[in-house]
Protein backbone atom coordinates (compact mmCIF):
# COMPACT_ATOMS: atom_id res chain seq x y z
CA UNK A 1 38.49 -10.50 -28.52
CA UNK A 2 36.01 -10.00 -25.63
CA UNK A 3 38.73 -11.13 -23.29
CA UNK A 4 41.11 -8.61 -24.76
CA UNK A 5 38.63 -5.80 -24.41
CA UNK A 6 37.82 -6.78 -20.82
CA UNK A 7 41.58 -6.92 -19.95
CA UNK A 8 42.13 -3.39 -21.36
CA UNK A 9 39.10 -2.00 -19.38
CA UNK A 10 40.28 -3.46 -16.24
CA UNK A 11 44.08 -3.09 -16.30
CA UNK A 12 45.03 -0.58 -19.00
CA UNK A 13 42.90 2.40 -18.31
CA UNK A 14 44.38 5.52 -16.80
CA UNK A 15 44.17 5.28 -12.95
CA UNK A 16 44.82 1.60 -12.78
CA UNK A 17 47.92 0.12 -11.01
CA UNK A 18 48.90 -1.71 -14.23
CA UNK A 19 48.78 1.52 -16.26
CA UNK A 20 50.93 3.31 -13.66
CA UNK A 21 53.53 0.66 -13.59
CA UNK A 22 53.77 0.36 -17.48
CA UNK A 23 53.83 4.24 -17.64
CA UNK A 24 56.65 4.45 -15.09
CA UNK A 25 58.56 1.69 -16.83
CA UNK A 26 58.19 3.49 -20.18
CA UNK A 27 59.38 6.76 -18.57
CA UNK A 28 62.31 5.30 -16.87
CA UNK A 29 63.46 3.52 -20.06
CA UNK A 30 63.20 6.88 -21.87
CA UNK A 31 65.57 8.49 -19.55
CA UNK A 32 68.32 6.28 -21.00
CA UNK A 33 67.73 7.47 -24.54
CA UNK A 34 68.75 10.52 -26.48
CA UNK A 35 68.07 14.18 -25.40
CA UNK A 36 64.72 14.39 -27.06
CA UNK A 37 63.64 11.00 -25.58
CA UNK A 38 64.80 12.15 -22.19
CA UNK A 39 62.84 15.41 -22.40
CA UNK A 40 59.74 13.30 -23.31
CA UNK A 41 60.35 10.90 -20.56
CA UNK A 42 60.69 13.65 -17.92
CA UNK A 43 57.55 15.33 -19.04
CA UNK A 44 55.72 11.96 -19.22
CA UNK A 45 56.78 10.95 -15.55
CA UNK A 46 55.74 14.41 -14.27
CA UNK A 47 52.35 14.09 -15.99
CA UNK A 48 51.78 10.65 -14.42
CA UNK A 49 52.72 12.00 -10.92
CA UNK A 50 50.19 14.83 -11.29
CA UNK A 51 47.45 12.48 -12.72
CA UNK A 52 47.72 10.05 -9.98
CA UNK A 53 48.00 12.69 -7.34
CA UNK A 54 44.77 14.26 -8.66
CA UNK A 55 43.02 10.94 -8.74
CA UNK A 56 44.05 10.30 -5.09
CA UNK A 57 42.45 13.52 -3.74
CA UNK A 58 39.05 13.22 -2.14
CA UNK A 59 37.59 15.99 -4.39
CA UNK A 60 38.47 14.31 -7.77
CA UNK A 61 37.77 10.86 -6.51
CA UNK A 62 34.36 12.07 -5.22
CA UNK A 63 33.57 13.82 -8.60
CA UNK A 64 34.43 10.70 -10.66
CA UNK A 65 32.30 8.42 -8.49
CA UNK A 66 29.40 10.91 -8.72
CA UNK A 67 29.68 11.11 -12.45
CA UNK A 68 29.82 7.25 -12.88
CA UNK A 69 26.83 6.70 -10.39
CA UNK A 70 24.62 9.60 -11.62
CA UNK A 71 21.05 8.49 -12.20
CA UNK A 72 21.29 5.41 -9.84
CA UNK A 73 20.36 5.48 -6.23
CA UNK A 74 19.97 2.95 -3.48
CA UNK A 75 16.53 1.40 -3.10
CA UNK A 76 14.80 2.99 0.01
CA UNK A 77 11.37 1.25 -0.14
CA UNK A 78 9.66 -1.90 -1.38
CA UNK A 79 7.54 0.18 -3.55
CA UNK A 80 10.49 1.49 -5.46
CA UNK A 81 11.12 -2.14 -6.47
CA UNK A 82 7.95 -2.18 -8.51
CA UNK A 83 7.16 -5.88 -7.75
CA UNK A 84 10.60 -7.15 -8.07
CA UNK A 85 10.85 -10.63 -6.47
CA UNK A 86 14.59 -11.23 -6.72
CA UNK A 87 17.78 -9.53 -5.82
CA UNK A 88 20.94 -9.94 -7.98
CA UNK A 89 24.35 -9.20 -6.26
CA UNK A 90 27.30 -9.14 -8.57
CA UNK A 91 30.62 -10.40 -7.07
CA UNK A 92 33.45 -8.00 -7.24
CA UNK A 93 36.41 -10.28 -6.38
CA UNK A 94 37.46 -12.77 -3.76
CA UNK A 95 40.62 -14.66 -2.56
CA UNK A 96 40.85 -18.17 -1.43
CA UNK A 97 43.44 -18.80 1.41
CA UNK A 98 44.46 -22.36 2.13
CA UNK A 99 46.70 -23.58 5.04
CA UNK A 100 47.19 -27.12 6.55
CA UNK A 101 44.11 -28.60 4.93
CA UNK A 102 42.03 -25.50 5.98
CA UNK A 103 40.47 -23.23 3.45
CA UNK A 104 38.59 -19.86 3.77
CA UNK A 105 37.09 -17.66 1.04
CA UNK A 106 37.63 -13.94 1.67
CA UNK A 107 35.59 -11.39 -0.39
CA UNK A 108 37.11 -8.15 -1.62
CA UNK A 109 35.88 -4.97 -0.10
CA UNK A 110 33.70 -4.44 -3.19
CA UNK A 111 32.07 -7.90 -2.87
CA UNK A 112 31.62 -7.45 0.79
CA UNK A 113 29.85 -4.10 0.52
CA UNK A 114 27.69 -5.38 -2.26
CA UNK A 115 26.64 -8.43 -0.28
CA UNK A 116 25.77 -6.10 2.68
CA UNK A 117 23.67 -4.10 0.38
CA UNK A 118 22.01 -7.18 -0.98
CA UNK A 119 21.12 -8.31 2.62
CA UNK A 120 19.68 -4.79 3.22
CA UNK A 121 17.54 -4.95 0.12
CA UNK A 122 16.53 -8.61 0.95
CA UNK A 123 15.08 -7.35 4.27
CA UNK A 124 13.44 -4.39 2.58
CA UNK A 125 11.58 -6.51 0.04
CA UNK A 126 10.47 -9.22 2.51
CA UNK A 127 11.72 -12.51 1.36
CA UNK A 128 12.90 -12.36 -2.20
CA UNK A 129 15.24 -14.89 -3.95
CA UNK A 130 18.82 -13.66 -3.76
CA UNK A 131 21.28 -14.54 -6.64
CA UNK A 132 24.96 -14.27 -5.85
CA UNK A 133 26.89 -14.03 -9.21
CA UNK A 134 30.61 -14.50 -9.87
CA UNK A 135 32.74 -17.54 -10.80
CA UNK A 136 36.53 -18.38 -10.47
CA UNK A 137 38.57 -15.27 -11.27
CA UNK A 138 41.45 -15.89 -13.70
CA UNK A 139 44.03 -14.75 -11.19
CA UNK A 140 46.55 -16.36 -8.56
CA UNK A 141 45.15 -17.05 -5.21
CA UNK A 142 41.52 -17.59 -6.30
CA UNK A 143 40.27 -21.27 -6.31
CA UNK A 144 36.62 -20.89 -5.45
CA UNK A 145 33.92 -18.88 -7.22
CA UNK A 146 33.25 -15.35 -6.01
CA UNK A 147 29.56 -16.30 -5.41
CA UNK A 148 30.57 -18.43 -2.57
CA UNK A 149 32.25 -15.77 -0.82
CA UNK A 150 29.34 -13.32 -1.45
CA UNK A 151 26.93 -16.06 -0.20
CA UNK A 152 28.79 -16.32 3.09
CA UNK A 153 28.57 -12.49 3.62
CA UNK A 154 24.83 -12.66 2.86
CA UNK A 155 24.15 -15.40 5.27
CA UNK A 156 26.16 -13.67 7.96
CA UNK A 157 24.13 -10.52 7.41
CA UNK A 158 20.90 -12.38 7.86
CA UNK A 159 19.77 -13.81 4.54
CA UNK A 160 18.67 -17.44 4.85
CA UNK A 161 20.91 -19.87 2.99
CA UNK A 162 17.99 -21.65 1.30
CA UNK A 163 17.04 -18.29 -0.23
CA UNK A 164 20.37 -17.75 -2.07
CA UNK A 165 21.11 -19.16 -5.53
CA UNK A 166 24.68 -19.20 -6.73
CA UNK A 167 25.80 -18.33 -10.31
CA UNK A 168 29.43 -19.53 -10.39
CA UNK A 169 30.18 -19.78 -14.12
CA UNK A 170 30.87 -16.18 -15.00
CA UNK A 171 34.33 -14.49 -15.00
CA UNK A 172 33.43 -10.98 -15.88
CA UNK A 173 30.41 -8.62 -15.97
CA UNK A 174 29.37 -9.51 -19.50
CA UNK A 175 29.37 -13.27 -18.72
CA UNK A 176 27.35 -12.55 -15.58
CA UNK A 177 24.53 -11.06 -17.70
CA UNK A 178 24.73 -13.97 -20.05
CA UNK A 179 24.63 -16.63 -17.26
CA UNK A 180 22.08 -14.98 -14.99
CA UNK A 181 19.53 -14.24 -17.86
CA UNK A 182 18.38 -17.85 -18.42
CA UNK A 183 18.46 -18.63 -14.83
CA UNK A 184 16.13 -15.74 -13.89
CA UNK A 185 13.79 -16.39 -16.86
CA UNK A 186 13.67 -20.07 -15.98
CA UNK A 187 12.31 -19.09 -12.65
CA UNK A 188 9.75 -16.58 -14.23
CA UNK A 189 11.62 -13.57 -12.75
CA UNK A 190 11.45 -10.76 -14.99
CA UNK A 191 12.02 -7.95 -12.60
CA UNK A 192 14.73 -7.88 -10.09
CA UNK A 193 16.89 -5.52 -8.06
CA UNK A 194 20.49 -5.28 -9.22
CA UNK A 195 23.20 -4.57 -6.46
CA UNK A 196 26.62 -3.71 -7.47
CA UNK A 197 29.02 -0.87 -6.54
CA UNK A 198 28.05 2.75 -7.52
CA UNK A 199 30.90 3.16 -9.99
CA UNK A 200 30.03 -0.20 -11.52
CA UNK A 201 26.23 0.51 -12.31
CA UNK A 202 26.72 1.93 -15.84
CA UNK A 203 28.86 -1.02 -16.86
CA UNK A 204 26.54 -3.58 -15.33
CA UNK A 205 23.56 -2.12 -17.22
């Protein structure tokens, strides 16, 4: 059931590409029906076009992002961390490319930006432990855990590799929380700074 709910949240919400494709398919099929169905289909397709146009405008996109991230702000000083000795960076997707025996993990834009913010917070706090979280996504083209791609960006941004701990078993936000909790508590870390995308903060908490 959790997987079904997660799938709906990720792919079947208005604004997603999957929702758009399914909506357009339903509308086009409706155009081949009776007159009443055709009227509905034309109205439905017009509504979809207006909805996605509005979502693409900077004003609406900015308003949605502001609403989702309200109450959360980037850490600006070590004092704001209130003694936190760890940074948790949640992965946001990655892709593994392979060719002629070579392999490279490429983080998504979300993962890369989160890792860069994690590196900034690491420098701000001094020398905390950084946890990179994210396992193998259940999608084509991903063979290695997201945490590995996040780690690579963290290291490139100045975080020592020996200060990074990988959590590579989770496949969604809920599982990240379940997997990270015992790891953090096992190290005696009750306070940490959570790093994710602004629009993902409410879901992560």
